[in-house]
Amino acid sequence: ADQTVSWPPVAGTGSISISDVSITEGNSGTKVATFTVTRTGGTQAFSVNFATANGTATTANGDYVATSGTLQFGANVNTQTISVTINGDGRVKPNETFTVQLSNPTNGATI
């Protein structure tokens, strides 16, 4: 899910946002949803935490695998990716959603 971007970005590190992803899960097996986190402006190194959060898709129902961690953006690095495993099943259901939330950027970066 997209995050609100503050403007103008803090000099040096910039602002960060995350892409939306849509994927067809299928009736079995797993697929990977890859979210792209992008820096706009700035060149200095920083890090940002990320974590999945249930929506209508939940980990309790086995819809996806919870994922969290920290992305490290080196100097002049503008993109990083987050991969989330999606579990296919044969249940008939409407489209389901979950979010990947960004938090605690360092070195003055803004989300």
Protein backbone atom coordinates (compact mmCIF):
# COMPACT_ATOMS: atom_id res chain seq x y z
CA ALA A 1 0.00 0.00 0.00
CA ASP A 2 1.22 3.48 -0.78
CA GLN A 3 2.31 5.67 2.09
CA THR A 4 1.95 9.45 2.25
CA VAL A 5 5.16 11.17 1.23
CA SER A 6 6.25 14.33 3.04
CA TRP A 7 7.47 17.15 0.84
CA PRO A 8 10.01 18.65 0.67
CA PRO A 9 12.18 15.75 1.78
CA VAL A 10 14.78 16.24 4.49
CA ALA A 11 18.05 17.24 2.86
CA GLY A 12 20.47 14.36 2.58
CA THR A 13 18.26 11.27 2.84
CA GLY A 14 15.00 12.06 1.03
CA SER A 15 11.58 10.50 1.39
CA ILE A 16 10.46 6.90 0.91
CA SER A 17 7.33 5.22 -0.38
CA ILE A 18 6.19 1.66 -1.06
CA SER A 19 4.45 0.31 -4.16
CA ASP A 20 1.09 -1.44 -4.36
CA VAL A 21 1.18 -5.05 -5.55
CA SER A 22 -1.59 -7.24 -6.95
CA ILE A 23 -1.13 -10.99 -7.40
CA THR A 24 -3.34 -13.98 -8.25
CA GLU A 25 -2.74 -16.57 -5.54
CA GLY A 26 -3.86 -19.67 -7.44
CA ASN A 27 -5.38 -22.87 -6.05
CA SER A 28 -2.23 -24.33 -4.51
CA GLY A 29 1.46 -23.73 -3.89
CA THR A 30 2.99 -20.37 -3.15
CA LYS A 31 3.74 -17.17 -5.02
CA VAL A 32 5.79 -14.15 -4.00
CA ALA A 33 4.45 -10.60 -3.87
CA THR A 34 7.38 -8.21 -4.29
CA PHE A 35 6.94 -4.68 -2.96
CA THR A 36 9.34 -1.95 -4.10
CA VAL A 37 10.40 0.69 -1.58
CA THR A 38 11.68 3.81 -3.35
CA ARG A 39 13.68 6.79 -2.15
CA THR A 40 12.93 10.18 -3.71
CA GLY A 41 15.62 12.81 -3.25
CA GLY A 42 18.75 12.58 -1.14
CA THR A 43 21.76 10.31 -1.34
CA GLN A 44 22.79 9.51 2.27
CA ALA A 45 22.45 6.05 3.83
CA PHE A 46 19.46 5.27 6.07
CA SER A 47 17.33 2.35 7.20
CA VAL A 48 13.59 1.78 7.62
CA ASN A 49 11.64 -0.98 9.36
CA PHE A 50 8.82 -2.88 7.66
CA ALA A 51 6.14 -5.32 8.77
CA THR A 52 3.10 -6.97 7.21
CA ALA A 53 -0.31 -6.37 8.77
CA ASN A 54 -3.51 -8.35 8.29
CA GLY A 55 -6.38 -6.95 6.31
CA THR A 56 -9.01 -9.26 4.86
CA ALA A 57 -6.09 -11.61 4.13
CA THR A 58 -4.77 -13.02 7.41
CA THR A 59 -1.90 -15.16 8.60
CA ALA A 60 -4.33 -17.13 10.82
CA ASN A 61 -6.15 -18.29 7.66
CA GLY A 62 -2.82 -19.10 6.00
CA ASP A 63 -3.34 -16.49 3.27
CA TYR A 64 0.23 -15.18 3.48
CA VAL A 65 3.38 -15.47 5.58
CA ALA A 66 4.00 -12.61 8.03
CA THR A 67 7.19 -10.76 7.21
CA SER A 68 9.14 -8.03 9.01
CA GLY A 69 12.64 -6.64 9.12
CA THR A 70 14.79 -3.66 8.29
CA LEU A 71 15.77 -2.35 4.87
CA GLN A 72 19.23 -0.81 4.65
CA PHE A 73 19.58 1.87 1.99
CA GLY A 74 23.24 2.56 1.28
CA ALA A 75 24.50 5.89 -0.02
CA ASN A 76 23.04 6.53 -3.50
CA VAL A 77 20.78 3.43 -3.32
CA ASN A 78 17.26 4.39 -4.40
CA THR A 79 15.26 1.12 -4.30
CA GLN A 80 14.95 -1.98 -2.15
CA THR A 81 12.40 -4.78 -2.30
CA ILE A 82 10.32 -6.69 0.24
CA SER A 83 9.11 -10.19 -0.64
CA VAL A 84 5.99 -11.69 0.95
CA THR A 85 4.98 -15.32 0.37
CA ILE A 86 1.35 -15.77 -0.71
CA ASN A 87 -0.28 -19.18 -0.12
CA GLY A 88 -2.64 -20.53 -2.77
CA ASP A 89 -5.74 -22.49 -1.82
CA GLY A 90 -8.90 -23.79 -3.46
CA ARG A 91 -11.31 -21.71 -1.35
CA VAL A 92 -13.61 -19.45 -3.34
CA LYS A 93 -13.42 -15.97 -1.88
CA PRO A 94 -13.38 -12.31 -2.91
CA ASN A 95 -10.14 -10.39 -3.36
CA GLU A 96 -8.23 -10.13 -0.09
CA THR A 97 -5.75 -7.54 1.12
CA PHE A 98 -2.94 -7.05 3.61
CA THR A 99 -0.51 -4.18 4.04
CA VAL A 100 3.21 -3.71 4.41
CA GLN A 101 3.85 -0.85 6.81
CA LEU A 102 7.03 1.23 6.92
CA SER A 103 8.21 2.75 10.21
CA ASN A 104 11.13 4.31 12.09
CA PRO A 105 13.23 5.69 9.22
CA THR A 106 16.68 6.79 10.32
CA ASN A 107 19.01 9.64 9.41
CA GLY A 108 16.16 12.09 8.76
CA ALA A 109 14.39 10.12 6.02
CA THR A 110 10.62 10.59 5.85
CA ILE A 111 7.85 8.17 4.87
